[in-house]
Structures are given as structure tokens and as C-alpha cells.
């Protein structure tokens, strides 16, 4: 069962598919800070392309499931239907990767 806080975080990331994020691990043993792009969001996790192959599930390519508590948005988007780069109205395509629901 997701907490209200996790559900709210997932909604935020769902609205920002295509945005850049920073992964900050909870402990030093989990690795360093990484940067990636949100590809999809399911009912529990945010799927991020960090630019290297997924070491656990090769079928996902460069996409790695990441818990929302470990992610911070690097950029803000003016509106859900705006370009993240320049803020002008633009068509936002759907997710590149469809996470299992």
C-alpha cells in the first residue's frame, strides 16, 4: 500500500515524463549521485534512463526502476502541455517505455 506522500510524488513525476532528474541514494553503499530522464511512471516506481544498460533487467535497455523518494526534478516544466526546454506550448508525446501496470 502506497502512502499518500508516495502517491503524490508519483503523480508529480508522471506529469514530468521527459524531464531531467537527479538520483540521490539513501546510503553511500548504493552508489553516487546520478542524472537521468524520466521515461515512464507506474503505480509504484519511476522509470529513468540513466544512459547505461540496466544491470538487472536487460530487456528494459537503459531504463531503471527508481523509487520516487530517491529522485529530485532538475528542471521544472511551465505546464503539462509546454516544452520543458523553452516553455512554449508544444505537443508532449506519451511515454517512450510502457511500464507494467
Protein backbone atom coordinates (compact mmCIF):
# COMPACT_ATOMS: atom_id res chain seq x y z
CA UNK A 1 0.00 0.00 0.00
CA UNK A 2 1.41 3.37 -1.03
CA UNK A 3 1.46 6.23 1.40
CA UNK A 4 -0.24 9.47 0.39
CA UNK A 5 3.21 11.04 0.14
CA UNK A 6 4.44 8.39 -2.33
CA UNK A 7 1.26 8.63 -4.40
CA UNK A 8 1.65 12.42 -4.60
CA UNK A 9 5.30 12.06 -5.64
CA UNK A 10 4.35 9.58 -8.37
CA UNK A 11 1.73 12.00 -9.72
CA UNK A 12 4.34 14.76 -9.85
CA UNK A 13 6.79 12.59 -11.79
CA UNK A 14 4.00 11.32 -14.07
CA UNK A 15 3.34 14.93 -15.11
CA UNK A 16 7.04 15.40 -15.85
CA UNK A 17 7.82 12.49 -18.20
CA UNK A 18 10.78 13.65 -20.28
CA UNK A 19 12.17 15.88 -17.52
CA UNK A 20 15.67 15.54 -16.11
CA UNK A 21 16.05 14.14 -12.60
CA UNK A 22 18.82 13.61 -10.09
CA UNK A 23 19.07 10.30 -8.24
CA UNK A 24 20.39 10.70 -4.71
CA UNK A 25 20.99 7.39 -2.91
CA UNK A 26 19.93 6.98 0.70
CA UNK A 27 23.30 5.49 1.70
CA UNK A 28 26.86 5.63 0.33
CA UNK A 29 26.75 1.89 -0.38
CA UNK A 30 24.07 2.44 -3.01
CA UNK A 31 26.38 4.46 -5.25
CA UNK A 32 26.75 8.11 -6.12
CA UNK A 33 24.51 10.81 -7.44
CA UNK A 34 23.28 10.15 -10.99
CA UNK A 35 21.38 12.14 -13.59
CA UNK A 36 18.75 10.80 -15.95
CA UNK A 37 15.50 11.40 -17.80
CA UNK A 38 12.05 10.19 -16.71
CA UNK A 39 10.73 7.69 -19.25
CA UNK A 40 7.60 6.38 -17.52
CA UNK A 41 5.86 6.03 -14.15
CA UNK A 42 3.78 3.11 -12.96
CA UNK A 43 1.78 2.52 -9.76
CA UNK A 44 4.95 2.22 -7.64
CA UNK A 45 8.14 3.30 -9.40
CA UNK A 46 9.59 5.95 -11.70
CA UNK A 47 11.43 4.59 -14.74
CA UNK A 48 14.57 6.60 -15.52
CA UNK A 49 17.04 6.40 -18.39
CA UNK A 50 20.47 6.96 -16.84
CA UNK A 51 22.31 6.36 -20.12
CA UNK A 52 23.69 2.90 -19.39
CA UNK A 53 22.19 -0.60 -19.67
CA UNK A 54 20.01 -1.91 -16.87
CA UNK A 55 22.28 -4.35 -14.97
CA UNK A 56 19.35 -6.43 -13.63
CA UNK A 57 16.74 -6.48 -16.43
CA UNK A 58 18.49 -6.24 -19.79
CA UNK A 59 15.12 -6.23 -21.60
CA UNK A 60 14.50 -2.72 -20.23
CA UNK A 61 17.50 -1.30 -22.11
CA UNK A 62 18.75 1.83 -20.36
CA UNK A 63 15.62 2.18 -18.22
CA UNK A 64 15.92 1.53 -14.49
CA UNK A 65 13.06 1.49 -11.98
CA UNK A 66 13.77 4.02 -9.24
CA UNK A 67 11.80 4.76 -6.08
CA UNK A 68 10.41 8.32 -6.18
CA UNK A 69 11.86 9.15 -2.75
CA UNK A 70 15.35 8.98 -4.29
CA UNK A 71 14.63 11.40 -7.14
CA UNK A 72 14.60 15.18 -7.45
CA UNK A 73 13.48 17.10 -10.53
CA UNK A 74 16.32 19.08 -12.10
CA UNK A 75 14.04 21.23 -14.21
CA UNK A 76 10.53 22.47 -13.82
CA UNK A 77 8.02 22.45 -16.64
CA UNK A 78 5.85 25.52 -17.14
CA UNK A 79 2.74 23.45 -17.83
CA UNK A 80 1.86 19.89 -18.70
CA UNK A 81 1.46 20.82 -22.37
CA UNK A 82 4.55 23.04 -22.59
CA UNK A 83 8.05 22.43 -23.88
CA UNK A 84 10.45 21.69 -21.00
CA UNK A 85 13.23 23.50 -22.85
CA UNK A 86 11.67 26.82 -23.84
CA UNK A 87 8.29 26.91 -22.05
CA UNK A 88 6.27 27.37 -25.24
CA UNK A 89 3.20 25.31 -26.00
CA UNK A 90 4.20 22.02 -27.56
CA UNK A 91 2.83 18.55 -28.11
CA UNK A 92 4.11 16.18 -25.40
CA UNK A 93 4.30 12.61 -26.66
CA UNK A 94 3.35 9.74 -24.40
CA UNK A 95 5.93 7.67 -22.54
CA UNK A 96 8.62 6.04 -24.62
CA UNK A 97 8.55 2.97 -22.38
CA UNK A 98 5.33 1.50 -21.09
CA UNK A 99 5.84 0.27 -17.54
CA UNK A 100 3.79 -2.71 -16.44
CA UNK A 101 0.73 -1.51 -14.58
